[in-house]
Amino acid sequence: MPFDIDAAAAALLDARRSGTRLDALPDGARPGSEADAYAVQDAVAGRLGPVAGWKVGAPSATATPARAALHADTIFDSETGICTLPASLFHLIGAEAEIAYRFGRDLPPQAGPYDREAVLAAVATMHPAIEIADTRFTVFGAVDPHSQRADQQNHGVLVLGPGLTEWRHLDPVTQPVRLTLDGTVLHDRVGGNSAVDPVRLLVWLANEGARSLGGLKAGQVVTTGSCTGTDFVTVPTRMVAEFPGLGSVALAIDAIGPRC
């Protein structure tokens, strides 16, 4: 039976719109490869509207990265560094402190390949960020990895703190990070990203990962994987991700919180 990209995309889109969770993707619509998973991602992206950003990560310093296209309805910019969101946006709440980059110019695939310096030259601002991991499936992590990849690699929302324009002196590999939950420090470390070097992820995304959706574009933000792991929390809650020298971002989630 051929893999049904449209059925997989339709199931994920319906779960997003209705709030109903999937035990699994339908028979015949479960991706069996990375290529299948990205085909579903791209089909979902085509129906959700313009790509506003990306998440990218890798389980080790040498592993091939993985990506997911993100959209404006799950990206929240907070110029004050403080954001409040309603619990109704989430099925699960997995808190992650991350470093994000906003691009100031396009990197079209046809003009590549791009080296490290060319990619960094296209970055306008660097941001402290919190990503909330979530799922369109009933149980987080219970389905196969390719289905999770198809489901935006477990993306919930991305909250960005104020952007830093003079960021070149910061080394993300040795960047300190602290994640606090309801006043209790959960993580206080240096680095912490499983990919080790987030810039390697940006280069991969520019040259390969974003190619099928037109490459990286000015205004898009890229978040580069958790520096603290994933901590699942309940509401009401308030979390703060601090990156000394870069800045901080705070996210409160409660029953009726307004969107930030």
Protein backbone atom coordinates (compact mmCIF):
# COMPACT_ATOMS: atom_id res chain seq x y z
CA MET A 1 0.00 0.00 0.00
CA PRO A 2 1.49 3.39 -0.97
CA PHE A 3 2.04 5.92 1.79
CA ASP A 4 -0.85 8.40 1.96
CA ILE A 5 0.67 11.82 2.65
CA ASP A 6 -2.67 13.63 2.37
CA ALA A 7 -4.39 11.34 4.90
CA ALA A 8 -1.58 11.86 7.40
CA ALA A 9 -1.68 15.63 6.95
CA ALA A 10 -5.48 15.69 7.21
CA ALA A 11 -5.42 13.72 10.47
CA LEU A 12 -2.86 16.07 12.04
CA LEU A 13 -4.69 19.17 10.85
CA ASP A 14 -7.99 17.89 12.21
CA ALA A 15 -6.35 17.17 15.57
CA ARG A 16 -5.06 20.75 15.67
CA ARG A 17 -8.42 22.27 14.83
CA SER A 18 -10.65 20.05 16.96
CA GLY A 19 -8.37 19.42 19.92
CA THR A 20 -9.03 15.68 19.57
CA ARG A 21 -5.87 13.63 20.10
CA LEU A 22 -4.76 10.76 17.91
CA ASP A 23 -3.72 7.36 19.23
CA ALA A 24 -1.76 7.01 15.98
CA LEU A 25 -1.91 8.11 12.37
CA PRO A 26 -4.33 6.10 10.20
CA ASP A 27 -3.30 2.85 8.57
CA GLY A 28 -1.49 3.60 5.34
CA ALA A 29 -0.66 7.11 6.57
CA ARG A 30 2.15 6.35 9.00
CA PRO A 31 5.49 7.60 7.65
CA GLY A 32 8.10 4.89 7.25
CA SER A 33 11.08 7.14 6.62
CA GLU A 34 12.47 10.62 7.21
CA ALA A 35 11.42 11.53 3.67
CA ASP A 36 7.83 10.46 4.40
CA ALA A 37 7.80 12.45 7.65
CA TYR A 38 9.05 15.61 5.96
CA ALA A 39 6.54 15.18 3.15
CA VAL A 40 3.77 15.23 5.76
CA GLN A 41 5.33 18.23 7.51
CA ASP A 42 5.46 20.10 4.21
CA ALA A 43 1.85 19.20 3.37
CA VAL A 44 0.69 20.48 6.78
CA ALA A 45 2.81 23.63 6.35
CA GLY A 46 1.22 24.29 2.97
CA ARG A 47 -2.21 24.36 4.59
CA LEU A 48 -1.27 26.36 7.69
CA GLY A 49 0.10 29.31 5.76
CA PRO A 50 3.48 31.00 5.35
CA VAL A 51 6.43 29.57 7.28
CA ALA A 52 7.31 32.02 10.07
CA GLY A 53 10.13 30.01 11.60
CA TRP A 54 11.79 26.68 12.19
CA LYS A 55 12.86 24.38 14.96
CA VAL A 56 16.01 22.37 14.39
CA GLY A 57 17.95 20.00 16.60
CA ALA A 58 20.16 16.94 16.74
CA PRO A 59 20.76 14.26 19.39
CA SER A 60 24.56 14.59 19.23
CA ALA A 61 27.37 16.72 17.83
CA THR A 62 27.64 14.55 14.71
CA ALA A 63 24.07 13.32 14.16
CA THR A 64 22.08 14.50 11.16
CA PRO A 65 19.78 17.31 12.33
CA ALA A 66 16.00 17.28 12.12
CA ARG A 67 13.69 20.21 11.48
CA ALA A 68 10.10 21.36 11.58
CA ALA A 69 8.50 24.38 9.94
CA LEU A 70 6.66 26.71 12.34
CA HIS A 71 3.86 29.20 11.77
CA ALA A 72 2.84 32.57 13.15
CA ASP A 73 0.02 31.20 15.32
CA THR A 74 2.48 29.35 17.57
CA ILE A 75 5.28 31.96 17.70
CA PHE A 76 5.00 34.70 20.31
CA ASP A 77 7.34 37.69 20.37
CA SER A 78 7.68 39.42 23.72
CA GLU A 79 9.56 42.71 23.60
CA THR A 80 9.27 42.95 27.38
CA GLY A 81 10.51 39.39 27.89
CA ILE A 82 7.27 38.42 29.70
CA CYS A 83 4.42 36.47 28.12
CA THR A 84 1.17 34.97 29.45
CA LEU A 85 -0.73 32.27 27.56
CA PRO A 86 -3.93 30.33 28.29
CA ALA A 87 -3.73 26.67 29.25
CA SER A 88 -6.31 25.92 26.55
CA LEU A 89 -3.55 26.20 23.92
CA PHE A 90 -1.91 23.01 25.18
CA HIS A 91 -2.48 19.31 25.60
CA LEU A 92 0.84 18.85 27.42
CA ILE A 93 3.38 21.43 28.57
CA GLY A 94 7.04 20.47 28.18
CA ALA A 95 9.27 23.41 29.11
CA GLU A 96 12.56 23.92 27.23
CA ALA A 97 15.04 26.81 27.35
CA GLU A 98 16.50 27.49 23.91
CA ILE A 99 18.57 29.92 21.85
CA ALA A 100 16.89 31.32 18.74
CA TYR A 101 18.12 33.32 15.75
CA ARG A 102 16.10 35.65 13.54
CA PHE A 103 17.28 36.05 9.96
CA GLY A 104 17.62 39.46 8.38
CA ARG A 105 18.08 38.31 4.80
CA ASP A 106 17.02 35.43 2.55
CA LEU A 107 19.22 32.41 1.96
CA PRO A 108 17.64 30.94 -1.18
CA PRO A 109 18.64 27.32 -1.90
CA GLN A 110 19.74 28.11 -5.45
CA ALA A 111 22.39 30.55 -4.17
CA GLY A 112 24.06 27.99 -1.87
CA PRO A 113 25.81 26.09 -0.57
CA TYR A 114 26.36 28.38 2.42
CA ASP A 115 29.27 28.11 4.81
CA ARG A 116 29.16 28.98 8.49
CA GLU A 117 30.13 32.62 8.01
CA ALA A 118 27.58 33.21 5.25
CA VAL A 119 24.79 31.84 7.45
CA LEU A 120 25.84 33.91 10.46
CA ALA A 121 26.09 37.01 8.28
CA ALA A 122 22.41 36.60 7.45
CA VAL A 123 21.35 36.58 11.13
CA ALA A 124 19.88 39.84 12.41
CA THR A 125 19.18 39.05 16.07
CA MET A 126 19.76 36.37 18.69
CA HIS A 127 17.05 35.65 21.28
CA PRO A 128 16.48 33.85 24.56
CA ALA A 129 13.54 31.52 23.99
CA ILE A 130 11.20 29.04 25.59
CA GLU A 131 9.74 26.28 23.49
CA ILE A 132 6.82 24.30 24.84
CA ALA A 133 6.86 20.72 23.60
CA ASP A 134 3.40 19.33 22.89
CA THR A 135 1.78 16.69 20.72
CA ARG A 136 -1.25 15.99 18.57
CA PHE A 137 -1.12 12.40 19.86
CA THR A 138 -2.76 11.07 23.00
CA VAL A 139 0.48 10.14 24.77
CA PHE A 140 3.69 12.12 24.32
CA GLY A 141 6.44 10.00 22.75
CA ALA A 142 4.27 6.88 22.42
CA VAL A 143 4.14 6.81 18.61
CA ASP A 144 7.07 6.01 16.34
CA PRO A 145 9.78 8.66 15.74
CA HIS A 146 8.74 9.29 12.14
CA SER A 147 5.17 10.09 13.20
CA GLN A 148 6.53 12.47 15.82
CA ARG A 149 8.67 14.11 13.15
CA ALA A 150 5.61 14.49 10.93
CA ASP A 151 3.84 16.17 13.86
CA GLN A 152 6.20 19.18 13.79
CA GLN A 153 8.65 17.23 15.96
CA ASN A 154 6.42 17.72 19.04
CA HIS A 155 6.17 21.51 18.75
CA GLY A 156 3.69 23.41 20.88
CA VAL A 157 4.60 27.09 21.00
CA LEU A 158 7.74 29.22 20.84
CA VAL A 159 8.10 32.32 23.01
CA LEU A 160 10.88 34.74 22.12
CA GLY A 161 12.51 37.26 24.42
CA PRO A 162 13.95 40.57 23.17
CA GLY A 163 16.39 40.25 20.29
CA LEU A 164 20.07 41.12 20.72
CA THR A 165 21.62 42.81 17.70
CA GLU A 166 25.22 42.73 18.97
CA TRP A 167 25.49 38.98 19.52
CA ARG A 168 28.68 37.94 17.74
CA HIS A 169 30.70 37.86 20.97
CA LEU A 170 28.42 35.16 22.42
CA ASP A 171 29.44 31.53 22.01
CA PRO A 172 26.35 29.29 22.24
CA VAL A 173 28.52 26.28 23.08
CA THR A 174 29.72 27.93 26.32
CA GLN A 175 26.61 30.03 26.97
CA PRO A 176 25.30 29.72 30.57
CA VAL A 177 21.59 28.97 30.95
CA ARG A 178 19.23 28.82 33.91
CA LEU A 179 15.64 27.55 33.85
CA THR A 180 13.43 28.44 36.81
CA LEU A 181 9.95 27.04 37.41
CA ASP A 182 7.69 28.77 39.92
CA GLY A 183 10.71 30.20 41.69
CA THR A 184 12.66 26.94 41.83
CA VAL A 185 15.81 26.54 39.73
CA LEU A 186 15.49 23.35 37.69
CA HIS A 187 18.63 23.71 35.59
CA ASP A 188 21.74 25.88 35.87
CA ARG A 189 24.46 24.88 33.44
CA VAL A 190 26.78 25.87 30.60
CA GLY A 191 25.83 24.84 27.09
CA GLY A 192 23.53 21.86 27.45
CA ASN A 193 22.39 21.50 23.85
CA SER A 194 22.58 17.86 22.75
CA ALA A 195 23.76 19.06 19.33
CA VAL A 196 26.58 20.94 21.12
CA ASP A 197 26.96 23.67 18.47
CA PRO A 198 23.68 25.30 17.38
CA VAL A 199 25.37 27.06 14.46
CA ARG A 200 25.99 23.69 12.78
CA LEU A 201 22.22 23.26 12.84
CA LEU A 202 21.66 26.63 11.17
CA VAL A 203 24.09 25.74 8.38
CA TRP A 204 22.36 22.40 7.79
CA LEU A 205 18.97 24.08 7.76
CA ALA A 206 20.11 26.69 5.24
CA ASN A 207 21.65 24.13 2.90
CA GLU A 208 19.35 21.13 3.28
CA GLY A 209 16.59 21.26 5.87
CA ALA A 210 14.64 24.26 4.59
CA ARG A 211 15.16 23.56 0.89
CA SER A 212 11.79 21.93 0.21
CA LEU A 213 9.93 24.97 1.56
CA GLY A 214 11.94 27.64 -0.22
CA GLY A 215 14.93 28.03 2.09
CA LEU A 216 15.47 30.41 4.98
CA LYS A 217 13.88 33.83 4.57
CA ALA A 218 14.23 37.25 6.17
CA GLY A 219 12.05 37.52 9.26
CA GLN A 220 12.00 33.82 9.99
CA VAL A 221 13.19 32.73 13.42
CA VAL A 222 15.04 29.47 14.07
CA THR A 223 15.11 27.86 17.49
CA THR A 224 18.00 25.47 17.93
CA GLY A 225 17.04 22.81 20.46
CA SER A 226 16.76 22.58 24.21
CA CYS A 227 19.66 23.52 26.45
CA THR A 228 17.85 22.08 29.49
CA GLY A 229 16.03 18.97 28.32
CA THR A 230 12.25 18.81 28.65
CA ASP A 231 10.40 19.33 31.94
CA PHE A 232 6.68 18.54 31.88
CA VAL A 233 4.70 20.86 34.11
CA THR A 234 1.12 21.54 35.18
CA VAL A 235 -0.80 24.82 35.29
CA PRO A 236 -0.80 27.41 36.64
CA THR A 237 2.92 27.85 36.19
CA ARG A 238 5.55 30.48 35.51
CA MET A 239 8.88 29.65 33.92
CA VAL A 240 11.91 31.85 33.29
CA ALA A 241 14.79 31.05 30.91
CA GLU A 242 17.89 33.16 31.59
CA PHE A 243 20.92 33.37 29.33
CA PRO A 244 23.45 35.77 30.93
CA GLY A 245 24.72 38.22 28.33
CA LEU A 246 21.89 37.32 25.94
CA GLY A 247 18.85 38.06 28.07
CA SER A 248 15.86 36.30 29.56
CA VAL A 249 12.29 35.38 28.75
CA ALA A 250 9.42 34.51 31.09
CA LEU A 251 6.26 32.56 30.28
CA ALA A 252 3.22 32.23 32.54
CA ILE A 253 0.49 29.71 31.68
CA ASP A 254 -2.84 29.76 33.49
CA ALA A 255 -6.48 28.93 32.89
CA ILE A 256 -7.51 32.23 31.34
CA GLY A 257 -4.28 34.04 30.49
CA PRO A 258 -4.41 36.38 27.47
CA ARG A 259 -2.16 35.76 24.52
CA CYS A 260 1.03 37.80 24.67
